[in-house]
Amino acid sequence: MPRMKLSLLSVLVIFTACTSTAPSVAAPQAPRVEMTTTAGTLTIRLLPEIAPKTVAQFLKLVEAGVYDSMYFYRVEQRFVAQTATAEDREVPLTDAQRAVIAPIALEAGPLKHQRGIISLAHGDDPDSGETSFSILLADAPHLDGEFTVFGVIVDSEPVLYRIEATYDQRSRDAAGERLQIKRMTVIR
């Protein structure tokens, strides 16, 4: 059977249609995460229907505070903003935080890497993703099927533009300040 590829727009249209009626047990509210950065606050709608294991692990990491004080080690205009690993945080990890970090197997899904997509980074082994993720700043079809798409930025386009316009490839603004995640919070 051929694999169906859906664009981000198609998924958002389907999501909007499904959530425009009264919520039901069969269609629970998609989890969201608020990410406060030095450039502003972004809201991430997670996609457990596309990448359930990645979303579950990401939520554990957020709730444990693993992303708090992590920074973006690169921002490439018209491509990507990518976080460093948790080991490179400003505030060292606690033993409890280290304990929740584990490799996550690739969950290649139907979504394309388009502006606003959140994608799990990994090393040479596609099953080696842990904490580093990317926010796509433009379409990147060469990443499709190679990395796990597990979220999408919503209601935060001005902050995406600020990140892209303000920070260079070394992820520092004109004053030398790093693009940093101050805090991530699960929105219940």
N, C-alpha and C. Protein backbone atom coordinates (compact mmCIF):
# COMPACT_ATOMS: atom_id res chain seq x y z
N MET A 1 0.84 -1.17 0.00
CA MET A 1 0.00 0.00 0.00
C MET A 1 0.89 1.24 0.00
N PRO A 2 0.65 2.23 -0.88
CA PRO A 2 1.48 3.42 -0.91
C PRO A 2 1.29 4.25 0.35
N ARG A 3 2.37 4.89 0.77
CA ARG A 3 2.33 5.72 1.97
C ARG A 3 1.79 7.10 1.61
N MET A 4 0.80 7.56 2.34
CA MET A 4 0.19 8.85 2.08
C MET A 4 1.01 9.95 2.74
N LYS A 5 1.33 10.99 1.97
CA LYS A 5 2.06 12.12 2.54
C LYS A 5 1.11 13.28 2.69
N LEU A 6 1.07 13.84 3.89
CA LEU A 6 0.22 14.99 4.17
C LEU A 6 1.07 16.22 4.37
N SER A 7 0.62 17.33 3.85
CA SER A 7 1.33 18.58 4.09
C SER A 7 0.92 19.09 5.47
N LEU A 8 1.70 20.00 6.01
CA LEU A 8 1.38 20.62 7.30
C LEU A 8 0.02 21.30 7.21
N LEU A 9 -0.24 21.96 6.10
CA LEU A 9 -1.52 22.63 5.93
C LEU A 9 -2.66 21.62 5.98
N SER A 10 -2.51 20.46 5.32
CA SER A 10 -3.56 19.43 5.35
C SER A 10 -3.82 18.96 6.77
N VAL A 11 -2.76 18.72 7.54
CA VAL A 11 -2.93 18.26 8.91
C VAL A 11 -3.62 19.32 9.75
N LEU A 12 -3.24 20.59 9.57
CA LEU A 12 -3.86 21.66 10.34
C LEU A 12 -5.33 21.83 9.97
N VAL A 13 -5.67 21.66 8.68
CA VAL A 13 -7.06 21.74 8.26
C VAL A 13 -7.86 20.60 8.89
N ILE A 14 -7.30 19.38 8.84
CA ILE A 14 -7.95 18.21 9.45
C ILE A 14 -8.10 18.43 10.95
N PHE A 15 -7.02 18.91 11.60
CA PHE A 15 -7.06 19.15 13.04
C PHE A 15 -8.14 20.17 13.39
N THR A 16 -8.18 21.27 12.61
CA THR A 16 -9.17 22.31 12.87
C THR A 16 -10.59 21.76 12.70
N ALA A 17 -10.80 20.99 11.66
CA ALA A 17 -12.12 20.40 11.42
C ALA A 17 -12.51 19.47 12.56
N CYS A 18 -11.56 18.69 13.04
CA CYS A 18 -11.84 17.72 14.11
C CYS A 18 -12.08 18.41 15.45
N THR A 19 -11.45 19.55 15.68
CA THR A 19 -11.58 20.21 16.97
C THR A 19 -12.61 21.32 16.97
N SER A 20 -13.23 21.59 15.81
CA SER A 20 -14.21 22.67 15.78
C SER A 20 -15.54 22.26 16.41
N THR A 21 -15.75 20.96 16.59
CA THR A 21 -16.94 20.49 17.27
C THR A 21 -16.60 20.23 18.72
N ALA A 22 -17.59 19.86 19.50
CA ALA A 22 -17.36 19.60 20.92
C ALA A 22 -16.34 18.48 21.09
N PRO A 23 -15.40 18.62 22.05
CA PRO A 23 -14.40 17.57 22.24
C PRO A 23 -15.05 16.27 22.68
N SER A 24 -14.44 15.17 22.26
CA SER A 24 -14.94 13.85 22.65
C SER A 24 -13.81 13.04 23.24
N VAL A 25 -14.14 11.92 23.83
CA VAL A 25 -13.13 11.03 24.39
C VAL A 25 -12.21 10.51 23.30
N ALA A 26 -12.77 10.29 22.11
CA ALA A 26 -11.99 9.74 20.99
C ALA A 26 -11.00 10.77 20.42
N ALA A 27 -11.23 12.07 20.64
CA ALA A 27 -10.35 13.11 20.11
C ALA A 27 -9.92 14.04 21.23
N PRO A 28 -8.96 13.60 22.07
CA PRO A 28 -8.53 14.44 23.19
C PRO A 28 -7.79 15.68 22.71
N GLN A 29 -7.79 16.69 23.54
CA GLN A 29 -7.07 17.93 23.25
C GLN A 29 -5.58 17.62 23.06
N ALA A 30 -5.00 18.15 21.99
CA ALA A 30 -3.58 17.94 21.74
C ALA A 30 -2.77 18.64 22.83
N PRO A 31 -1.77 17.96 23.37
CA PRO A 31 -0.94 18.61 24.39
C PRO A 31 -0.15 19.78 23.80
N ARG A 32 0.08 20.78 24.62
CA ARG A 32 0.85 21.95 24.20
C ARG A 32 1.94 22.24 25.22
N VAL A 33 2.98 22.87 24.73
CA VAL A 33 4.10 23.27 25.58
C VAL A 33 4.38 24.74 25.29
N GLU A 34 4.54 25.52 26.35
CA GLU A 34 4.93 26.91 26.21
C GLU A 34 6.44 26.98 26.41
N MET A 35 7.14 27.56 25.44
CA MET A 35 8.59 27.68 25.50
C MET A 35 8.95 29.16 25.56
N THR A 36 9.42 29.61 26.71
CA THR A 36 9.83 30.99 26.89
C THR A 36 11.31 31.09 26.57
N THR A 37 11.65 31.92 25.58
CA THR A 37 13.04 32.10 25.16
C THR A 37 13.44 33.55 25.34
N THR A 38 14.70 33.83 25.11
CA THR A 38 15.18 35.21 25.18
C THR A 38 14.62 36.05 24.03
N ALA A 39 14.02 35.41 23.00
CA ALA A 39 13.42 36.14 21.88
C ALA A 39 11.91 36.27 22.02
N GLY A 40 11.33 35.63 23.03
CA GLY A 40 9.88 35.67 23.21
C GLY A 40 9.34 34.28 23.51
N THR A 41 8.04 34.18 23.60
CA THR A 41 7.40 32.91 23.97
C THR A 41 6.78 32.25 22.75
N LEU A 42 7.05 30.97 22.60
CA LEU A 42 6.51 30.15 21.52
C LEU A 42 5.59 29.10 22.12
N THR A 43 4.53 28.76 21.40
CA THR A 43 3.64 27.69 21.81
C THR A 43 3.80 26.54 20.83
N ILE A 44 4.05 25.34 21.38
CA ILE A 44 4.22 24.14 20.56
C ILE A 44 3.01 23.24 20.78
N ARG A 45 2.33 22.91 19.69
CA ARG A 45 1.27 21.89 19.75
C ARG A 45 1.93 20.57 19.40
N LEU A 46 1.91 19.63 20.34
CA LEU A 46 2.54 18.33 20.13
C LEU A 46 1.63 17.44 19.30
N LEU A 47 2.23 16.46 18.64
CA LEU A 47 1.53 15.59 17.70
C LEU A 47 1.63 14.12 18.11
N PRO A 48 0.97 13.73 19.20
CA PRO A 48 1.07 12.34 19.64
C PRO A 48 0.48 11.35 18.64
N GLU A 49 -0.41 11.81 17.77
CA GLU A 49 -0.97 10.92 16.76
C GLU A 49 0.04 10.60 15.67
N ILE A 50 1.09 11.41 15.54
CA ILE A 50 2.14 11.21 14.54
C ILE A 50 3.37 10.55 15.15
N ALA A 51 3.75 10.97 16.36
CA ALA A 51 4.98 10.48 17.00
C ALA A 51 4.72 10.25 18.49
N PRO A 52 3.98 9.21 18.85
CA PRO A 52 3.58 9.02 20.26
C PRO A 52 4.73 8.82 21.23
N LYS A 53 5.74 8.06 20.86
CA LYS A 53 6.86 7.81 21.77
C LYS A 53 7.70 9.06 21.97
N THR A 54 7.92 9.80 20.89
CA THR A 54 8.70 11.03 20.98
C THR A 54 7.98 12.07 21.83
N VAL A 55 6.68 12.22 21.61
CA VAL A 55 5.89 13.18 22.39
C VAL A 55 5.90 12.80 23.86
N ALA A 56 5.72 11.52 24.18
CA ALA A 56 5.73 11.08 25.58
C ALA A 56 7.07 11.39 26.23
N GLN A 57 8.17 11.12 25.53
CA GLN A 57 9.51 11.39 26.08
C GLN A 57 9.74 12.89 26.22
N PHE A 58 9.33 13.66 25.22
CA PHE A 58 9.50 15.12 25.25
C PHE A 58 8.75 15.71 26.45
N LEU A 59 7.53 15.24 26.70
CA LEU A 59 6.77 15.72 27.86
C LEU A 59 7.47 15.40 29.17
N LYS A 60 8.07 14.21 29.28
CA LYS A 60 8.83 13.86 30.49
C LYS A 60 10.00 14.82 30.68
N LEU A 61 10.70 15.11 29.58
CA LEU A 61 11.85 16.01 29.64
C LEU A 61 11.43 17.42 30.04
N VAL A 62 10.33 17.90 29.46
CA VAL A 62 9.83 19.23 29.80
C VAL A 62 9.44 19.28 31.28
N GLU A 63 8.68 18.30 31.74
CA GLU A 63 8.22 18.29 33.14
C GLU A 63 9.38 18.16 34.12
N ALA A 64 10.48 17.53 33.70
CA ALA A 64 11.65 17.40 34.57
C ALA A 64 12.53 18.66 34.53
N GLY A 65 12.20 19.61 33.65
CA GLY A 65 12.98 20.84 33.56
C GLY A 65 14.27 20.69 32.77
N VAL A 66 14.38 19.65 31.97
CA VAL A 66 15.62 19.40 31.21
C VAL A 66 15.92 20.53 30.23
N TYR A 67 14.89 21.14 29.65
CA TYR A 67 15.11 22.18 28.64
C TYR A 67 15.36 23.57 29.23
N ASP A 68 15.06 23.75 30.51
CA ASP A 68 15.26 25.06 31.13
C ASP A 68 16.74 25.40 31.16
N SER A 69 17.10 26.52 30.60
CA SER A 69 18.45 27.07 30.47
C SER A 69 19.25 26.46 29.31
N MET A 70 18.60 25.65 28.48
CA MET A 70 19.26 25.14 27.28
C MET A 70 19.30 26.26 26.24
N TYR A 71 20.25 26.24 25.35
CA TYR A 71 20.33 27.28 24.33
C TYR A 71 20.30 26.68 22.93
N PHE A 72 20.06 27.55 21.96
CA PHE A 72 20.10 27.17 20.55
C PHE A 72 21.53 27.38 20.08
N TYR A 73 22.17 26.33 19.62
CA TYR A 73 23.56 26.49 19.22
C TYR A 73 23.70 26.97 17.79
N ARG A 74 22.61 26.89 16.99
CA ARG A 74 22.69 27.46 15.65
C ARG A 74 21.32 27.93 15.20
N VAL A 75 21.35 29.04 14.48
CA VAL A 75 20.18 29.55 13.79
C VAL A 75 20.64 29.87 12.38
N GLU A 76 20.03 29.21 11.41
CA GLU A 76 20.35 29.47 10.01
C GLU A 76 19.09 30.02 9.35
N GLN A 77 19.18 31.27 8.92
CA GLN A 77 18.02 31.90 8.28
C GLN A 77 17.53 31.05 7.12
N ARG A 78 16.21 31.02 6.97
CA ARG A 78 15.54 30.25 5.92
C ARG A 78 15.87 28.76 6.00
N PHE A 79 16.23 28.28 7.21
CA PHE A 79 16.44 26.84 7.39
C PHE A 79 15.98 26.38 8.77
N VAL A 80 16.80 26.61 9.82
CA VAL A 80 16.51 25.95 11.08
C VAL A 80 17.09 26.70 12.28
N ALA A 81 16.43 26.54 13.43
CA ALA A 81 16.99 26.94 14.72
C ALA A 81 17.08 25.64 15.52
N GLN A 82 18.30 25.25 15.90
CA GLN A 82 18.50 23.95 16.57
C GLN A 82 19.10 24.14 17.94
N THR A 83 18.51 23.42 18.93
CA THR A 83 19.03 23.48 20.29
C THR A 83 20.30 22.65 20.41
N ALA A 84 21.09 23.01 21.39
CA ALA A 84 22.23 22.18 21.78
C ALA A 84 21.66 20.97 22.54
N THR A 85 22.52 20.14 23.08
CA THR A 85 22.05 19.02 23.88
C THR A 85 21.86 19.48 25.33
N ALA A 86 21.20 18.67 26.10
CA ALA A 86 20.95 19.00 27.51
C ALA A 86 22.25 19.11 28.29
N GLU A 87 23.27 18.40 27.87
CA GLU A 87 24.57 18.47 28.57
C GLU A 87 25.21 19.84 28.43
N ASP A 88 24.76 20.63 27.46
CA ASP A 88 25.34 21.95 27.22
C ASP A 88 24.49 23.08 27.79
N ARG A 89 23.63 22.76 28.76
CA ARG A 89 22.80 23.78 29.39
C ARG A 89 23.65 24.74 30.20
N GLU A 90 23.09 25.91 30.45
CA GLU A 90 23.77 26.87 31.32
C GLU A 90 23.82 26.34 32.75
N VAL A 91 22.70 25.78 33.21
CA VAL A 91 22.62 25.20 34.55
C VAL A 91 22.84 23.69 34.40
N PRO A 92 23.81 23.11 35.10
CA PRO A 92 24.06 21.67 34.94
C PRO A 92 22.83 20.83 35.29
N LEU A 93 22.71 19.70 34.60
CA LEU A 93 21.63 18.77 34.87
C LEU A 93 21.77 18.17 36.26
N THR A 94 20.63 17.89 36.87
CA THR A 94 20.64 17.15 38.14
C THR A 94 20.67 15.66 37.81
N ASP A 95 20.93 14.83 38.79
CA ASP A 95 20.90 13.38 38.58
C ASP A 95 19.51 12.93 38.16
N ALA A 96 18.47 13.52 38.75
CA ALA A 96 17.09 13.17 38.40
C ALA A 96 16.79 13.52 36.94
N GLN A 97 17.30 14.66 36.46
CA GLN A 97 17.09 15.05 35.07
C GLN A 97 17.84 14.11 34.12
N ARG A 98 19.07 13.78 34.48
CA ARG A 98 19.84 12.83 33.65
C ARG A 98 19.11 11.50 33.52
N ALA A 99 18.44 11.08 34.58
CA ALA A 99 17.77 9.78 34.61
C ALA A 99 16.61 9.69 33.61
N VAL A 100 16.00 10.81 33.23
CA VAL A 100 14.88 10.75 32.30
C VAL A 100 15.31 10.86 30.83
N ILE A 101 16.57 11.15 30.59
CA ILE A 101 17.06 11.26 29.21
C ILE A 101 17.37 9.87 28.69
N ALA A 102 16.77 9.55 27.55
CA ALA A 102 16.97 8.25 26.91
C ALA A 102 16.85 8.41 25.40
N PRO A 103 17.55 7.57 24.64
CA PRO A 103 17.42 7.64 23.18
C PRO A 103 15.98 7.33 22.75
N ILE A 104 15.55 8.01 21.70
CA ILE A 104 14.22 7.83 21.16
C ILE A 104 14.35 7.34 19.72
N ALA A 105 13.70 6.23 19.41
CA ALA A 105 13.76 5.68 18.05
C ALA A 105 13.04 6.60 17.07
N LEU A 106 13.55 6.65 15.85
CA LEU A 106 12.95 7.44 14.78
C LEU A 106 11.49 7.04 14.58
N GLU A 107 10.61 8.03 14.52
CA GLU A 107 9.20 7.82 14.20
C GLU A 107 8.91 8.64 12.93
N ALA A 108 9.35 8.09 11.80
CA ALA A 108 9.14 8.79 10.52
C ALA A 108 7.65 8.78 10.22
N GLY A 109 7.08 9.94 10.04
CA GLY A 109 5.65 10.05 9.82
C GLY A 109 5.35 10.76 8.51
N PRO A 110 4.09 11.08 8.30
CA PRO A 110 3.66 11.66 7.03
C PRO A 110 3.91 13.17 6.88
N LEU A 111 4.22 13.86 7.97
CA LEU A 111 4.37 15.32 7.88
C LEU A 111 5.69 15.72 7.25
N LYS A 112 5.61 16.78 6.49
CA LYS A 112 6.79 17.33 5.82
C LYS A 112 7.46 18.36 6.73
N HIS A 113 8.75 18.53 6.54
CA HIS A 113 9.50 19.54 7.28
C HIS A 113 9.25 20.89 6.63
N GLN A 114 8.34 21.66 7.25
CA GLN A 114 7.97 22.98 6.77
C GLN A 114 8.14 23.98 7.90
N ARG A 115 8.08 25.25 7.55
CA ARG A 115 8.23 26.31 8.56
C ARG A 115 7.30 26.05 9.74
N GLY A 116 7.86 26.12 10.95
CA GLY A 116 7.08 25.95 12.17
C GLY A 116 7.06 24.54 12.72
N ILE A 117 7.58 23.58 11.98
CA ILE A 117 7.63 22.19 12.44
C ILE A 117 8.71 22.04 13.51
N ILE A 118 8.45 21.18 14.50
CA ILE A 118 9.45 20.81 15.51
C ILE A 118 9.89 19.39 15.18
N SER A 119 11.19 19.19 15.07
CA SER A 119 11.76 17.93 14.62
C SER A 119 12.88 17.50 15.57
N LEU A 120 12.90 16.23 15.93
CA LEU A 120 13.92 15.71 16.85
C LEU A 120 15.23 15.51 16.12
N ALA A 121 16.30 16.06 16.65
CA ALA A 121 17.63 15.88 16.06
C ALA A 121 18.20 14.54 16.50
N HIS A 122 19.12 14.01 15.72
CA HIS A 122 19.82 12.77 16.09
C HIS A 122 21.19 12.76 15.44
N GLY A 123 22.03 11.84 15.88
CA GLY A 123 23.36 11.68 15.30
C GLY A 123 23.27 10.81 14.05
N ASP A 124 24.35 10.11 13.74
CA ASP A 124 24.38 9.25 12.57
C ASP A 124 23.33 8.14 12.64
N ASP A 125 23.06 7.67 13.84
CA ASP A 125 22.04 6.63 14.04
C ASP A 125 20.68 7.31 14.19
N PRO A 126 19.73 7.04 13.29
CA PRO A 126 18.42 7.70 13.39
C PRO A 126 17.66 7.38 14.67
N ASP A 127 18.08 6.37 15.41
CA ASP A 127 17.43 6.02 16.67
C ASP A 127 18.18 6.58 17.88
N SER A 128 18.98 7.64 17.65
CA SER A 128 19.81 8.19 18.73
C SER A 128 19.33 9.56 19.23
N GLY A 129 18.16 10.02 18.82
CA GLY A 129 17.65 11.31 19.28
C GLY A 129 17.43 11.29 20.78
N GLU A 130 17.78 12.38 21.45
CA GLU A 130 17.57 12.46 22.91
C GLU A 130 16.89 13.77 23.28
N THR A 131 17.64 14.87 23.28
CA THR A 131 17.08 16.14 23.76
C THR A 131 17.11 17.25 22.72
N SER A 132 18.04 17.22 21.80
CA SER A 132 18.17 18.30 20.82
C SER A 132 17.03 18.24 19.81
N PHE A 133 16.46 19.41 19.51
CA PHE A 133 15.41 19.48 18.50
C PHE A 133 15.59 20.73 17.67
N SER A 134 14.91 20.75 16.54
CA SER A 134 14.97 21.89 15.63
C SER A 134 13.60 22.48 15.42
N ILE A 135 13.59 23.79 15.23
CA ILE A 135 12.40 24.50 14.76
C ILE A 135 12.71 24.87 13.31
N LEU A 136 11.88 24.40 12.39
CA LEU A 136 12.10 24.72 10.99
C LEU A 136 11.69 26.15 10.70
N LEU A 137 12.57 26.89 10.05
CA LEU A 137 12.31 28.28 9.69
C LEU A 137 11.92 28.40 8.22
N ALA A 138 11.96 27.28 7.50
CA ALA A 138 11.56 27.24 6.09
C ALA A 138 11.34 25.77 5.73
N ASP A 139 10.81 25.54 4.55
CA ASP A 139 10.63 24.17 4.09
C ASP A 139 11.99 23.51 3.89
N ALA A 140 12.10 22.25 4.28
CA ALA A 140 13.35 21.48 4.16
C ALA A 140 13.00 20.05 3.75
N PRO A 141 12.58 19.84 2.50
CA PRO A 141 12.13 18.51 2.07
C PRO A 141 13.20 17.43 2.19
N HIS A 142 14.48 17.82 2.19
CA HIS A 142 15.55 16.82 2.32
C HIS A 142 15.56 16.16 3.70
N LEU A 143 14.84 16.73 4.67
CA LEU A 143 14.76 16.15 6.02
C LEU A 143 13.56 15.20 6.17
N ASP A 144 12.62 15.24 5.23
CA ASP A 144 11.41 14.42 5.32
C ASP A 144 11.77 12.94 5.42
N GLY A 145 11.17 12.26 6.40
CA GLY A 145 11.40 10.84 6.60
C GLY A 145 12.71 10.50 7.29
N GLU A 146 13.58 11.49 7.48
CA GLU A 146 14.89 11.28 8.10
C GLU A 146 14.90 11.65 9.58
N PHE A 147 13.96 12.50 10.00
CA PHE A 147 13.88 12.97 11.38
C PHE A 147 12.43 12.92 11.83
N THR A 148 12.22 12.76 13.13
CA THR A 148 10.87 12.67 13.68
C THR A 148 10.25 14.05 13.85
N VAL A 149 9.15 14.28 13.17
CA VAL A 149 8.34 15.48 13.36
C VAL A 149 7.40 15.18 14.52
N PHE A 150 7.44 16.00 15.58
CA PHE A 150 6.60 15.70 16.74
C PHE A 150 5.82 16.90 17.26
N GLY A 151 5.94 18.04 16.61
CA GLY A 151 5.21 19.21 17.06
C GLY A 151 5.19 20.28 15.99
N VAL A 152 4.40 21.31 16.25
CA VAL A 152 4.30 22.45 15.34
C VAL A 152 4.10 23.71 16.18
N ILE A 153 4.76 24.78 15.78
CA ILE A 153 4.62 26.07 16.44
C ILE A 153 3.26 26.65 16.05
N VAL A 154 2.51 27.13 17.04
CA VAL A 154 1.21 27.76 16.77
C VAL A 154 1.17 29.12 17.46
N ASP A 155 0.49 30.06 16.84
CA ASP A 155 0.27 31.39 17.42
C ASP A 155 1.56 32.08 17.85
N SER A 156 2.65 31.84 17.13
CA SER A 156 3.94 32.39 17.57
C SER A 156 4.78 32.91 16.40
N GLU A 157 4.16 33.18 15.27
CA GLU A 157 4.91 33.59 14.08
C GLU A 157 5.79 34.83 14.31
N PRO A 158 5.33 35.86 15.04
CA PRO A 158 6.22 37.01 15.26
C PRO A 158 7.52 36.63 15.98
N VAL A 159 7.47 35.68 16.89
CA VAL A 159 8.68 35.25 17.60
C VAL A 159 9.60 34.49 16.65
N LEU A 160 9.03 33.67 15.77
CA LEU A 160 9.86 32.96 14.77
C LEU A 160 10.61 33.97 13.90
N TYR A 161 9.91 35.01 13.45
CA TYR A 161 10.56 36.04 12.64
C TYR A 161 11.65 36.76 13.43
N ARG A 162 11.41 37.02 14.72
CA ARG A 162 12.40 37.68 15.56
C ARG A 162 13.65 36.80 15.70
N ILE A 163 13.44 35.51 15.92
CA ILE A 163 14.58 34.59 16.04
C ILE A 163 15.40 34.60 14.76
N GLU A 164 14.71 34.50 13.64
CA GLU A 164 15.41 34.43 12.36
C GLU A 164 16.12 35.73 12.02
N ALA A 165 15.53 36.87 12.36
CA ALA A 165 16.10 38.17 12.02
C ALA A 165 17.18 38.62 13.00
N THR A 166 17.09 38.19 14.25
CA THR A 166 17.95 38.73 15.30
C THR A 166 19.22 37.92 15.53
N TYR A 167 19.13 36.60 15.38
CA TYR A 167 20.25 35.74 15.75
C TYR A 167 20.97 35.23 14.51
N ASP A 168 22.30 35.13 14.63
CA ASP A 168 23.09 34.62 13.51
C ASP A 168 23.37 33.14 13.71
N GLN A 169 24.19 32.56 12.85
CA GLN A 169 24.47 31.12 12.91
C GLN A 169 25.06 30.69 14.23
N ARG A 170 25.69 31.57 14.93
CA ARG A 170 26.24 31.23 16.25
C ARG A 170 25.20 31.42 17.34
N SER A 171 23.97 31.76 16.93
CA SER A 171 22.83 31.92 17.84
C SER A 171 23.04 32.98 18.91
N ARG A 172 23.65 34.06 18.52
CA ARG A 172 23.81 35.21 19.42
C ARG A 172 23.25 36.43 18.70
N ASP A 173 22.67 37.34 19.48
CA ASP A 173 22.16 38.56 18.87
C ASP A 173 23.29 39.57 18.74
N ALA A 174 22.98 40.78 18.28
CA ALA A 174 24.01 41.79 18.06
C ALA A 174 24.78 42.12 19.33
N ALA A 175 24.15 41.99 20.48
CA ALA A 175 24.82 42.28 21.75
C ALA A 175 25.58 41.06 22.28
N GLY A 176 25.53 39.95 21.56
CA GLY A 176 26.26 38.76 21.98
C GLY A 176 25.46 37.84 22.89
N GLU A 177 24.16 38.14 23.10
CA GLU A 177 23.34 37.30 23.96
C GLU A 177 22.91 36.04 23.21
N ARG A 178 23.03 34.91 23.89
CA ARG A 178 22.60 33.65 23.30
C ARG A 178 21.10 33.56 23.21
N LEU A 179 20.62 32.86 22.19
CA LEU A 179 19.21 32.51 22.11
C LEU A 179 19.03 31.33 23.05
N GLN A 180 18.33 31.55 24.13
CA GLN A 180 18.23 30.55 25.20
C GLN A 180 16.78 30.26 25.54
N ILE A 181 16.54 29.02 25.93
CA ILE A 181 15.24 28.63 26.48
C ILE A 181 15.30 28.93 27.96
N LYS A 182 14.50 29.86 28.40
CA LYS A 182 14.47 30.18 29.82
C LYS A 182 13.68 29.12 30.57
N ARG A 183 12.53 28.74 29.99
CA ARG A 183 11.66 27.77 30.67
C ARG A 183 10.72 27.15 29.66
N MET A 184 10.41 25.87 29.88
CA MET A 184 9.37 25.18 29.11
C MET A 184 8.34 24.67 30.10
N THR A 185 7.07 24.82 29.75
CA THR A 185 5.98 24.41 30.63
C THR A 185 4.92 23.69 29.81
N VAL A 186 4.43 22.57 30.34
CA VAL A 186 3.32 21.86 29.71
C VAL A 186 2.05 22.62 30.04
N ILE A 187 1.26 22.92 29.01
CA ILE A 187 -0.02 23.61 29.20
C ILE A 187 -1.08 22.55 29.35
N ARG A 188 -1.73 22.53 30.48
CA ARG A 188 -2.76 21.52 30.78
C ARG A 188 -4.13 22.06 30.49
